[in-house]
Amino acid sequence: MLMLILACEVMVVGVANAGRYRPPGIVVDQTVTRGHIIT
C-alpha cells in the first residue's frame, strides 16, 4: 500500500511539473519523475 501511495505522489508531482513547464506527454526532468513518461 505504501508503494502505491508513493507511486501516486510521484505521478502527481510529475504531472504538476509537466503542466507548469511543458505540454503533457513529454518526458520531464528525470530527477523529478525518474524518467517516467507523463501521459
N, C-alpha and C. Protein backbone atom coordinates (compact mmCIF):
# COMPACT_ATOMS: atom_id res chain seq x y z
N MET A 1 0.84 -1.20 0.00
CA MET A 1 0.00 0.00 0.00
C MET A 1 0.87 1.25 0.00
N LEU A 2 1.94 1.21 0.78
CA LEU A 2 2.83 2.37 0.85
C LEU A 2 3.46 2.66 -0.51
N MET A 3 3.84 1.60 -1.23
CA MET A 3 4.43 1.79 -2.55
C MET A 3 3.44 2.44 -3.50
N LEU A 4 2.16 2.05 -3.39
CA LEU A 4 1.13 2.64 -4.26
C LEU A 4 0.98 4.13 -3.97
N ILE A 5 0.99 4.48 -2.70
CA ILE A 5 0.87 5.89 -2.32
C ILE A 5 2.06 6.68 -2.86
N LEU A 6 3.25 6.13 -2.71
CA LEU A 6 4.45 6.82 -3.20
C LEU A 6 4.40 6.97 -4.71
N ALA A 7 3.96 5.92 -5.41
CA ALA A 7 3.87 5.99 -6.87
C ALA A 7 2.89 7.08 -7.30
N CYS A 8 1.76 7.16 -6.62
CA CYS A 8 0.77 8.19 -6.95
C CYS A 8 1.33 9.58 -6.68
N GLU A 9 2.07 9.71 -5.59
CA GLU A 9 2.65 11.01 -5.26
C GLU A 9 3.65 11.44 -6.33
N VAL A 10 4.47 10.49 -6.79
CA VAL A 10 5.44 10.79 -7.85
C VAL A 10 4.72 11.24 -9.12
N MET A 11 3.62 10.55 -9.46
CA MET A 11 2.86 10.90 -10.66
C MET A 11 2.25 12.29 -10.53
N VAL A 12 1.71 12.61 -9.36
CA VAL A 12 1.10 13.93 -9.15
C VAL A 12 2.15 15.03 -9.31
N VAL A 13 3.32 14.82 -8.72
CA VAL A 13 4.40 15.81 -8.84
C VAL A 13 4.84 15.94 -10.29
N GLY A 14 4.94 14.82 -10.99
CA GLY A 14 5.34 14.84 -12.40
C GLY A 14 4.34 15.58 -13.27
N VAL A 15 3.06 15.32 -13.04
CA VAL A 15 2.01 15.99 -13.82
C VAL A 15 2.02 17.49 -13.53
N ALA A 16 2.19 17.86 -12.28
CA ALA A 16 2.22 19.27 -11.92
C ALA A 16 3.39 19.97 -12.61
N ASN A 17 4.56 19.34 -12.59
CA ASN A 17 5.73 19.94 -13.22
C ASN A 17 5.57 20.00 -14.73
N ALA A 18 5.01 18.96 -15.33
CA ALA A 18 4.82 18.93 -16.78
C ALA A 18 3.84 20.03 -17.20
N GLY A 19 2.77 20.21 -16.43
CA GLY A 19 1.79 21.23 -16.76
C GLY A 19 2.35 22.63 -16.60
N ARG A 20 3.31 22.77 -15.71
CA ARG A 20 3.87 24.08 -15.43
C ARG A 20 4.91 24.49 -16.46
N TYR A 21 5.71 23.53 -16.93
CA TYR A 21 6.86 23.86 -17.75
C TYR A 21 6.71 23.48 -19.22
N ARG A 22 5.95 22.42 -19.52
CA ARG A 22 5.85 21.95 -20.91
C ARG A 22 4.59 21.12 -21.07
N PRO A 23 4.14 20.87 -22.30
CA PRO A 23 2.89 20.14 -22.51
C PRO A 23 2.97 18.72 -21.96
N PRO A 24 1.85 18.16 -21.51
CA PRO A 24 1.81 16.78 -21.05
C PRO A 24 2.19 15.82 -22.16
N GLY A 25 2.67 14.63 -21.79
CA GLY A 25 3.03 13.62 -22.77
C GLY A 25 4.50 13.66 -23.14
N ILE A 26 5.24 14.61 -22.59
CA ILE A 26 6.67 14.71 -22.85
C ILE A 26 7.42 14.33 -21.57
N VAL A 27 8.53 13.63 -21.75
CA VAL A 27 9.32 13.23 -20.59
C VAL A 27 9.86 14.49 -19.91
N VAL A 28 9.56 14.63 -18.63
CA VAL A 28 10.03 15.79 -17.88
C VAL A 28 11.35 15.45 -17.21
N ASP A 29 11.88 16.37 -16.45
CA ASP A 29 13.17 16.20 -15.80
C ASP A 29 13.23 14.87 -15.04
N GLN A 30 14.24 14.06 -15.34
CA GLN A 30 14.33 12.73 -14.76
C GLN A 30 14.56 12.79 -13.26
N THR A 31 15.12 13.87 -12.75
CA THR A 31 15.32 13.98 -11.31
C THR A 31 13.99 14.13 -10.58
N VAL A 32 12.96 14.54 -11.33
CA VAL A 32 11.65 14.71 -10.71
C VAL A 32 10.81 13.45 -10.86
N THR A 33 10.81 12.87 -12.06
CA THR A 33 9.91 11.75 -12.33
C THR A 33 10.64 10.42 -12.49
N ARG A 34 11.95 10.43 -12.35
CA ARG A 34 12.77 9.23 -12.52
C ARG A 34 12.55 8.62 -13.91
N GLY A 35 12.34 9.47 -14.91
CA GLY A 35 12.25 9.01 -16.28
C GLY A 35 10.88 8.52 -16.71
N HIS A 36 9.89 8.64 -15.83
CA HIS A 36 8.55 8.21 -16.22
C HIS A 36 7.97 9.16 -17.25
N ILE A 37 7.19 8.62 -18.16
CA ILE A 37 6.55 9.45 -19.18
C ILE A 37 5.15 9.82 -18.68
N ILE A 38 4.88 11.10 -18.61
CA ILE A 38 3.58 11.57 -18.15
C ILE A 38 2.62 11.56 -19.34
N THR A 39 1.55 10.81 -19.23
CA THR A 39 0.59 10.72 -20.34
C THR A 39 -0.73 11.34 -19.95
